[in-house]
């Protein structure tokens, strides 16, 4: 072999070996993993890291990262952590170095999301941001948690078959919302017209609620439109929220069924949901009255509402009202206001009025629930405190004028004619 040919052969062999070594180095999990996470992080404006990696290159490349953490650049605390993240990425995405941001599938195990940092990051995303990835085979999240500060979500599961920034999004979401001793488990189907502000959202499925002494089951359908929150706020507005549910409440007594309709505008910010103005209608039977009302509702670390409306007809199973108040078929105006624990264990203020008769008082929903379950054998008077002023009451053929009745939860009622 000539000397020049031998030198050329040696150079080719060296280049091949060097290329092979470089490819082997580039394909090492500890090299390829940070590259993929870095590419994703740059697209989302986040710093994403992981404890260790594994991968497979046959067919569609797959990367598994464990101990994943994502944070806003410069932030001390992460907005998202996860035990395991599986990503399947087409070769075209790797070759484009993120210019084409298509991912085949993402699976996330045991993620923990800090909601306030996330909402702050989300509020700073550019309008119409086109860097959201396309997920051709969708997203699966299991065992997730969301820390909302005064409340949290646990056992969150999200199954989304496909995701694209300009396409309708469909998926199933389940989990439990907890605040103090109040828990709301749910299993819902969710649809969005597109994954962006201004999108319409539809929800259908089941949501419950339970606390000590009672349980509520709801089959519900809801819709709203998402809009940006107030300027400078890390929140969202809910425009034209509409909700209807077929519900059943269980306690120590017979179960009660009713239907609820709600129409409102609202906003979510700083860990609280506020609906105002809100209009509701209730259609019940047995102990649950038909009523309608308007007012305001806020749910976060605590529950607060102030609703004014009318009970359309006094239920036949409620304690009978004395004449002449009970002789009227007119709707009974009411106002109900509450501010306290989310399980309704704190006092609720109640006002009722009809034909110059007026009641002002307070009650505790758990105690009234127990009383209603034993209505056939227990006291005919509900456990409440308050003051009733009546121009006239007819009892046993006698008329009493200028009557004032004081109700005491412990000692019954005291009549002052």
Protein backbone atom coordinates (compact mmCIF):
# COMPACT_ATOMS: atom_id res chain seq x y z
CA UNK A 1 0.00 0.00 0.00
CA UNK A 2 1.25 3.40 -0.91
CA UNK A 3 2.12 5.74 1.88
CA UNK A 4 -0.48 8.38 0.82
CA UNK A 5 -3.28 5.77 0.72
CA UNK A 6 -2.28 4.45 4.13
CA UNK A 7 -2.41 7.93 5.62
CA UNK A 8 -5.85 8.56 4.07
CA UNK A 9 -7.14 5.26 5.48
CA UNK A 10 -5.82 6.12 8.94
CA UNK A 11 -7.52 9.54 8.79
CA UNK A 12 -10.85 7.97 7.77
CA UNK A 13 -10.62 5.40 10.59
CA UNK A 14 -9.80 8.12 13.11
CA UNK A 15 -12.73 10.25 11.91
CA UNK A 16 -15.12 7.29 12.10
CA UNK A 17 -13.92 6.40 15.59
CA UNK A 18 -14.13 10.04 16.70
CA UNK A 19 -17.64 10.34 15.27
CA UNK A 20 -18.68 7.10 16.96
CA UNK A 21 -17.25 8.28 20.27
CA UNK A 22 -18.99 11.65 19.91
CA UNK A 23 -22.30 9.98 19.09
CA UNK A 24 -21.89 7.60 22.00
CA UNK A 25 -21.17 10.54 24.28
CA UNK A 26 -24.10 12.53 22.87
CA UNK A 27 -26.46 9.58 23.30
CA UNK A 28 -25.53 8.96 26.94
CA UNK A 29 -28.62 9.46 29.16
CA UNK A 30 -26.81 12.08 31.24
CA UNK A 31 -26.03 14.02 28.06
CA UNK A 32 -29.15 13.50 25.95
CA UNK A 33 -31.53 13.96 28.92
CA UNK A 34 -30.44 17.50 29.85
CA UNK A 35 -30.44 18.44 26.16
CA UNK A 36 -34.07 17.41 25.75
CA UNK A 37 -35.17 19.05 29.01
CA UNK A 38 -33.21 22.16 28.17
CA UNK A 39 -34.89 22.34 24.77
CA UNK A 40 -38.31 21.98 26.38
CA UNK A 41 -37.45 24.48 29.10
CA UNK A 42 -36.33 27.11 26.61
CA UNK A 43 -39.60 26.70 24.74
CA UNK A 44 -41.61 27.20 27.95
CA UNK A 45 -39.43 29.80 29.64
CA UNK A 46 -38.51 27.43 32.51
CA UNK A 47 -35.44 25.83 34.02
CA UNK A 48 -36.02 22.05 34.01
CA UNK A 49 -33.68 19.54 35.65
CA UNK A 50 -33.77 15.90 36.76
CA UNK A 51 -31.93 13.52 39.10
CA UNK A 52 -31.26 10.78 36.54
CA UNK A 53 -32.24 9.66 33.04
CA UNK A 54 -32.76 6.61 30.88
CA UNK A 55 -33.61 6.39 27.18
CA UNK A 56 -34.36 4.16 24.20
CA UNK A 57 -33.48 5.07 20.60
CA UNK A 58 -35.04 2.21 18.61
CA UNK A 59 -38.14 3.38 16.74
CA UNK A 60 -39.29 6.64 18.30
CA UNK A 61 -36.77 7.92 20.86
CA UNK A 62 -38.01 7.68 24.46
CA UNK A 63 -36.61 9.46 27.48
CA UNK A 64 -37.39 8.75 31.14
CA UNK A 65 -36.40 11.35 33.72
CA UNK A 66 -36.74 10.83 37.47
CA UNK A 67 -36.71 13.45 40.17
CA UNK A 68 -37.79 16.23 37.82
CA UNK A 69 -37.98 19.86 38.91
CA UNK A 70 -39.15 22.91 36.93
CA UNK A 71 -38.82 26.49 38.09
CA UNK A 72 -39.01 29.99 36.73
CA UNK A 73 -35.46 31.24 36.04
CA UNK A 74 -34.13 32.88 39.19
CA UNK A 75 -36.89 31.49 41.45
CA UNK A 76 -35.88 29.71 44.65
CA UNK A 77 -38.80 27.26 44.79
CA UNK A 78 -39.96 25.02 41.92
CA UNK A 79 -43.44 25.41 40.51
CA UNK A 80 -43.50 21.74 39.50
CA UNK A 81 -41.84 18.55 40.74
CA UNK A 82 -42.43 14.96 39.61
CA UNK A 83 -41.22 11.49 40.52
CA UNK A 84 -41.08 10.35 36.89
CA UNK A 85 -41.54 11.93 33.49
CA UNK A 86 -41.70 9.82 30.32
CA UNK A 87 -41.28 11.60 26.99
CA UNK A 88 -41.48 10.04 23.54
CA UNK A 89 -40.04 12.44 20.94
CA UNK A 90 -39.93 11.95 17.13
CA UNK A 91 -36.56 12.15 15.41
CA UNK A 92 -37.81 15.18 13.49
CA UNK A 93 -38.10 17.17 16.73
CA UNK A 94 -34.58 16.17 17.81
CA UNK A 95 -33.10 17.01 14.41
CA UNK A 96 -34.77 20.43 14.43
CA UNK A 97 -33.39 21.14 17.94
CA UNK A 98 -36.82 22.32 19.07
CA UNK A 99 -37.76 24.38 16.01
CA UNK A 100 -40.45 21.77 15.45
CA UNK A 101 -41.91 21.13 18.90
CA UNK A 102 -43.83 17.88 18.41
CA UNK A 103 -43.87 15.24 21.13
CA UNK A 104 -45.45 11.84 20.70
CA UNK A 105 -46.47 11.23 24.31
CA UNK A 106 -45.84 12.48 27.84
CA UNK A 107 -46.49 10.55 31.05
CA UNK A 108 -46.02 12.10 34.49
CA UNK A 109 -46.07 10.20 37.80
CA UNK A 110 -46.75 11.90 41.15
CA UNK A 111 -46.35 15.53 40.08
CA UNK A 112 -46.61 18.26 42.72
CA UNK A 113 -47.71 21.66 41.40
CA UNK A 114 -47.45 24.92 43.38
CA UNK A 115 -50.45 26.79 42.00
CA UNK A 116 -49.52 30.38 42.82
CA UNK A 117 -46.07 30.25 41.14
CA UNK A 118 -47.66 28.44 38.20
CA UNK A 119 -50.38 31.08 37.76
CA UNK A 120 -47.75 33.83 37.97
CA UNK A 121 -45.71 32.08 35.25
CA UNK A 122 -48.80 31.48 33.12
CA UNK A 123 -49.91 35.12 33.36
CA UNK A 124 -46.55 36.19 31.87
CA UNK A 125 -46.79 33.93 28.84
CA UNK A 126 -47.07 35.96 25.61
CA UNK A 127 -50.62 36.19 24.16
CA UNK A 128 -51.08 33.68 21.38
CA UNK A 129 -47.84 31.94 22.33
CA UNK A 130 -47.11 29.36 19.63
CA UNK A 131 -44.50 27.40 21.54
CA UNK A 132 -46.85 24.97 23.22
CA UNK A 133 -45.89 21.47 22.04
CA UNK A 134 -48.11 19.19 20.01
CA UNK A 135 -48.71 15.85 21.76
CA UNK A 136 -49.72 13.40 19.03
CA UNK A 137 -50.43 10.53 21.48
CA UNK A 138 -51.47 12.73 24.36
CA UNK A 139 -50.71 13.15 28.04
CA UNK A 140 -51.24 10.97 31.11
CA UNK A 141 -50.80 12.29 34.66
CA UNK A 142 -51.28 10.01 37.66
CA UNK A 143 -51.07 10.55 41.42
CA UNK A 144 -50.81 14.32 41.13
CA UNK A 145 -51.09 17.00 43.83
CA UNK A 146 -51.84 20.72 43.55
CA UNK A 147 -50.98 23.04 46.42
CA UNK A 148 -53.39 25.97 46.42
CA UNK A 149 -52.19 27.41 49.73
CA UNK A 150 -55.32 27.12 51.85
CA UNK A 151 -56.53 24.06 49.92
CA UNK A 152 -55.08 21.23 47.87
CA UNK A 153 -55.93 18.69 45.21
CA UNK A 154 -54.81 15.10 45.68
CA UNK A 155 -54.94 11.85 43.67
CA UNK A 156 -55.19 13.89 40.48
CA UNK A 157 -55.42 11.93 37.24
CA UNK A 158 -55.47 13.56 33.80
CA UNK A 159 -55.89 11.53 30.59
CA UNK A 160 -55.72 13.62 27.41
CA UNK A 161 -55.59 11.60 24.16
CA UNK A 162 -54.14 14.45 22.06
CA UNK A 163 -53.03 18.05 22.43
CA UNK A 164 -52.40 20.77 19.83
CA UNK A 165 -52.34 24.52 20.37
CA UNK A 166 -54.93 25.32 17.68
CA UNK A 167 -57.19 22.30 18.15
CA UNK A 168 -59.99 21.30 20.50
CA UNK A 169 -58.77 19.63 23.67
CA UNK A 170 -60.60 16.71 25.28
CA UNK A 171 -59.71 14.79 28.39
CA UNK A 172 -60.76 13.15 31.66
CA UNK A 173 -59.85 14.65 35.03
CA UNK A 174 -60.36 13.09 38.45
CA UNK A 175 -59.17 13.69 42.00
CA UNK A 176 -60.23 15.22 45.33
CA UNK A 177 -60.30 18.86 46.46
CA UNK A 178 -59.68 19.31 50.21
CA UNK A 179 -59.99 22.28 52.55
CA UNK A 180 -59.85 21.56 56.30
CA UNK A 181 -62.46 18.82 57.00
CA UNK A 182 -64.32 19.39 53.72
CA UNK A 183 -63.62 17.14 50.71
CA UNK A 184 -64.90 17.23 47.13
CA UNK A 185 -64.05 14.14 45.04
CA UNK A 186 -64.71 14.45 41.30
CA UNK A 187 -64.52 12.59 38.00
CA UNK A 188 -65.10 14.87 35.01
CA UNK A 189 -64.86 14.99 31.24
CA UNK A 190 -63.43 18.34 30.11
CA UNK A 191 -63.43 19.98 26.67
CA UNK A 192 -61.75 23.24 25.56
CA UNK A 193 -62.15 24.90 22.19
CA UNK A 194 -58.38 25.54 22.29
CA UNK A 195 -55.70 25.69 25.01
CA UNK A 196 -55.60 29.48 25.44
CA UNK A 197 -57.34 32.41 27.05
CA UNK A 198 -60.60 33.21 25.32
CA UNK A 199 -61.37 29.51 24.99
CA UNK A 200 -64.74 28.00 25.77
CA UNK A 201 -64.71 25.22 28.37
CA UNK A 202 -67.28 22.44 28.83
CA UNK A 203 -67.41 20.09 31.82
CA UNK A 204 -69.61 17.06 32.48
CA UNK A 205 -69.48 14.28 35.04
CA UNK A 206 -69.74 13.65 38.75
CA UNK A 207 -68.64 15.65 41.77
CA UNK A 208 -69.40 14.96 45.41
CA UNK A 209 -68.95 16.74 48.71
CA UNK A 210 -68.80 15.37 52.19
CA UNK A 211 -68.07 16.50 55.72
CA UNK A 212 -69.00 15.23 59.15
CA UNK A 213 -72.62 14.07 59.18
CA UNK A 214 -73.58 14.57 55.53
CA UNK A 215 -72.71 13.70 51.95
CA UNK A 216 -73.70 15.31 48.62
CA UNK A 217 -73.58 13.68 45.17
CA UNK A 218 -73.93 15.72 41.96
CA UNK A 219 -74.26 14.79 38.31
CA UNK A 220 -73.38 18.05 36.63
CA UNK A 221 -72.87 19.88 33.35
CA UNK A 222 -71.07 23.24 33.21
CA UNK A 223 -69.66 25.67 30.67
CA UNK A 224 -67.73 28.94 30.75
CA UNK A 225 -65.28 31.07 28.80
CA UNK A 226 -61.78 31.79 30.12
CA UNK A 227 -60.43 35.34 29.98
CA UNK A 228 -57.32 37.02 31.32
CA UNK A 229 -57.58 38.29 34.88
CA UNK A 230 -57.38 41.92 35.93
CA UNK A 231 -54.22 43.73 34.84
CA UNK A 232 -51.32 42.63 37.02
CA UNK A 233 -53.24 39.74 38.61
CA UNK A 234 -52.20 36.13 38.18
CA UNK A 235 -55.69 34.79 37.68
CA UNK A 236 -58.44 34.10 35.17
CA UNK A 237 -61.95 35.38 34.69
CA UNK A 238 -64.88 33.03 34.10
CA UNK A 239 -67.33 34.60 31.69
CA UNK A 240 -70.93 33.38 31.44
CA UNK A 241 -70.49 30.43 33.75
CA UNK A 242 -73.48 28.09 33.51
CA UNK A 243 -73.96 25.01 35.70
CA UNK A 244 -76.79 22.53 36.19
CA UNK A 245 -76.80 19.49 38.43
CA UNK A 246 -78.99 16.63 39.59
CA UNK A 247 -78.09 16.23 43.26
CA UNK A 248 -78.72 13.96 46.22
CA UNK A 249 -77.87 14.76 49.84
CA UNK A 250 -77.59 12.04 52.48
CA UNK A 251 -77.48 12.34 56.26
CA UNK A 252 -78.92 10.37 59.16
CA UNK A 253 -82.44 10.66 57.75
CA UNK A 254 -83.95 9.88 54.34
CA UNK A 255 -81.94 11.06 51.33
CA UNK A 256 -83.16 14.25 49.65
CA UNK A 257 -82.97 14.91 45.90
CA UNK A 258 -82.99 18.25 44.10
CA UNK A 259 -81.91 20.01 40.90
CA UNK A 260 -79.72 23.13 40.89
CA UNK A 261 -79.10 25.72 38.20
CA UNK A 262 -76.43 28.43 38.45
CA UNK A 263 -75.54 31.35 36.17
CA UNK A 264 -72.69 33.70 37.07
CA UNK A 265 -69.61 35.63 36.09
CA UNK A 266 -66.56 34.98 38.21
CA UNK A 267 -62.83 35.06 38.69
CA UNK A 268 -60.12 32.86 40.13
CA UNK A 269 -57.08 34.55 41.69
CA UNK A 270 -54.85 34.17 44.75
CA UNK A 271 -56.30 30.77 45.64
CA UNK A 272 -59.96 31.86 45.72
CA UNK A 273 -62.93 31.50 43.37
CA UNK A 274 -65.42 34.39 43.43
CA UNK A 275 -68.78 34.30 41.60
CA UNK A 276 -70.50 37.67 41.37
CA UNK A 277 -73.12 38.38 40.27
CA UNK A 278 -74.55 34.89 40.65
CA UNK A 279 -78.12 33.70 40.11
CA UNK A 280 -79.38 30.30 41.23
CA UNK A 281 -82.55 28.24 41.08
CA UNK A 282 -83.34 25.18 43.20
CA UNK A 283 -86.02 22.61 42.42
CA UNK A 284 -86.62 20.08 45.17
CA UNK A 285 -89.18 17.83 46.74
CA UNK A 286 -90.03 16.56 50.18
CA UNK A 287 -87.91 18.73 52.55
CA UNK A 288 -86.05 20.64 49.80
CA UNK A 289 -87.97 23.75 48.67
CA UNK A 290 -88.26 25.37 45.28
CA UNK A 291 -86.43 28.70 45.43
CA UNK A 292 -84.50 31.26 43.39
CA UNK A 293 -82.02 33.91 44.41
CA UNK A 294 -79.19 36.23 43.42
CA UNK A 295 -76.01 37.24 45.20
CA UNK A 296 -72.33 36.47 45.63
CA UNK A 297 -70.26 33.36 46.44
CA UNK A 298 -66.56 33.01 47.35
CA UNK A 299 -64.66 29.76 47.91
CA UNK A 300 -61.05 29.43 49.02
CA UNK A 301 -59.63 28.90 52.49
CA UNK A 302 -63.16 29.63 53.70
CA UNK A 303 -66.64 29.69 52.20
CA UNK A 304 -68.72 32.85 52.00
CA UNK A 305 -72.01 33.64 50.29
CA UNK A 306 -74.81 36.19 50.49
CA UNK A 307 -77.95 35.21 48.57
CA UNK A 308 -81.32 37.01 48.51
CA UNK A 309 -84.39 35.57 46.80
CA UNK A 310 -87.69 33.85 47.46
CA UNK A 311 -88.95 30.41 48.50
CA UNK A 312 -91.68 29.82 45.96
CA UNK A 313 -93.90 27.71 48.25
CA UNK A 314 -93.64 26.58 51.86
CA UNK A 315 -92.89 22.82 51.73
CA UNK A 316 -95.68 20.63 53.09
CA UNK A 317 -93.25 18.64 55.27
CA UNK A 318 -91.86 21.71 57.01
CA UNK A 319 -93.45 22.72 60.35
CA UNK A 320 -96.82 24.32 59.60
CA UNK A 321 -96.97 28.09 59.86
CA UNK A 322 -99.79 29.52 62.00
CA UNK A 323 -102.58 31.59 60.44
CA UNK A 324 -102.73 34.06 58.89
CA UNK A 325 -99.05 33.76 57.81
CA UNK A 326 -99.54 30.17 56.71
CA UNK A 327 -102.67 30.99 54.72
CA UNK A 328 -100.72 32.94 52.08
CA UNK A 329 -99.56 31.28 48.86
CA UNK A 330 -97.23 34.15 48.00
CA UNK A 331 -93.49 33.48 47.68
CA UNK A 332 -91.55 33.87 50.91
CA UNK A 333 -88.63 36.32 50.53
CA UNK A 334 -85.39 35.22 52.20
CA UNK A 335 -81.78 36.21 52.63
CA UNK A 336 -79.06 33.70 53.58
CA UNK A 337 -75.51 34.76 54.40
CA UNK A 338 -72.55 32.69 55.53
CA UNK A 339 -68.85 33.23 56.20
CA UNK A 340 -66.84 30.43 57.76
CA UNK A 341 -65.53 26.91 57.33
CA UNK A 342 -66.07 25.20 53.99
CA UNK A 343 -68.01 22.35 55.64
CA UNK A 344 -70.82 24.79 56.65
CA UNK A 345 -70.22 24.09 60.35
CA UNK A 346 -70.26 27.79 61.30
CA UNK A 347 -73.50 29.77 61.86
CA UNK A 348 -75.55 30.78 58.82
CA UNK A 349 -77.58 34.00 59.08
CA UNK A 350 -81.17 33.75 57.81
CA UNK A 351 -83.86 36.36 57.22
CA UNK A 352 -87.48 35.57 56.22
CA UNK A 353 -90.39 37.97 55.66
CA UNK A 354 -94.03 37.86 54.62
CA UNK A 355 -96.96 40.26 55.13
CA UNK A 356 -95.13 42.40 57.72
CA UNK A 357 -94.00 39.29 59.62
CA UNK A 358 -90.21 39.05 59.88
CA UNK A 359 -87.70 36.52 61.20
CA UNK A 360 -84.01 37.19 61.77
CA UNK A 361 -81.75 34.52 63.18
CA UNK A 362 -79.01 32.00 62.64
CA UNK A 363 -78.64 28.25 62.36
CA UNK A 364 -75.99 25.59 61.83
CA UNK A 365 -76.50 23.44 58.74
CA UNK A 366 -75.21 20.16 60.32
CA UNK A 367 -77.68 20.53 63.24
CA UNK A 368 -80.58 21.27 60.88
CA UNK A 369 -79.59 18.27 58.76
CA UNK A 370 -79.78 15.99 61.81
CA UNK A 371 -83.12 17.56 62.83
CA UNK A 372 -84.63 17.06 59.36
CA UNK A 373 -83.69 13.36 59.47
CA UNK A 374 -85.68 12.88 62.70
CA UNK A 375 -88.58 15.18 61.83
CA UNK A 376 -91.22 12.46 62.20
CA UNK A 377 -90.27 11.63 65.80
CA UNK A 378 -88.28 14.64 67.04
CA UNK A 379 -89.03 18.28 67.79
CA UNK A 380 -91.29 20.12 65.30
CA UNK A 381 -89.12 23.24 65.69
CA UNK A 382 -85.75 23.40 63.91
CA UNK A 383 -82.59 24.02 65.96
CA UNK A 384 -82.09 27.74 65.39
CA UNK A 385 -81.68 31.00 67.24
CA UNK A 386 -83.51 34.16 66.30
CA UNK A 387 -86.34 36.61 66.69
CA UNK A 388 -89.75 36.55 64.97
CA UNK A 389 -92.04 39.57 64.92
CA UNK A 390 -95.64 38.88 63.78
CA UNK A 391 -98.50 41.44 63.60
CA UNK A 392 -101.09 38.73 64.36
CA UNK A 393 -101.21 34.98 65.03
CA UNK A 394 -104.37 32.87 65.23
CA UNK A 395 -104.07 29.84 67.52
CA UNK A 396 -106.96 27.62 68.67
CA UNK A 397 -109.57 30.23 67.77
CA UNK A 398 -107.78 33.06 69.57
CA UNK A 399 -105.95 35.98 67.94
CA UNK A 400 -102.75 37.43 69.35
CA UNK A 401 -101.54 40.83 68.16
CA UNK A 402 -98.03 42.27 68.21
CA UNK A 403 -96.43 38.89 68.88
CA UNK A 404 -92.68 38.49 69.28
CA UNK A 405 -91.17 35.01 69.47
CA UNK A 406 -87.58 34.38 70.53
CA UNK A 407 -86.08 31.08 69.41
CA UNK A 408 -83.27 29.52 71.44
CA UNK A 409 -81.42 26.51 70.11
CA UNK A 410 -81.25 24.99 73.60
CA UNK A 411 -84.55 26.01 75.17
CA UNK A 412 -87.07 26.14 72.35
CA UNK A 413 -89.13 29.29 71.70
CA UNK A 414 -90.33 32.02 74.05
CA UNK A 415 -93.50 33.92 73.04
CA UNK A 416 -93.99 37.56 74.05
CA UNK A 417 -97.47 38.75 73.00
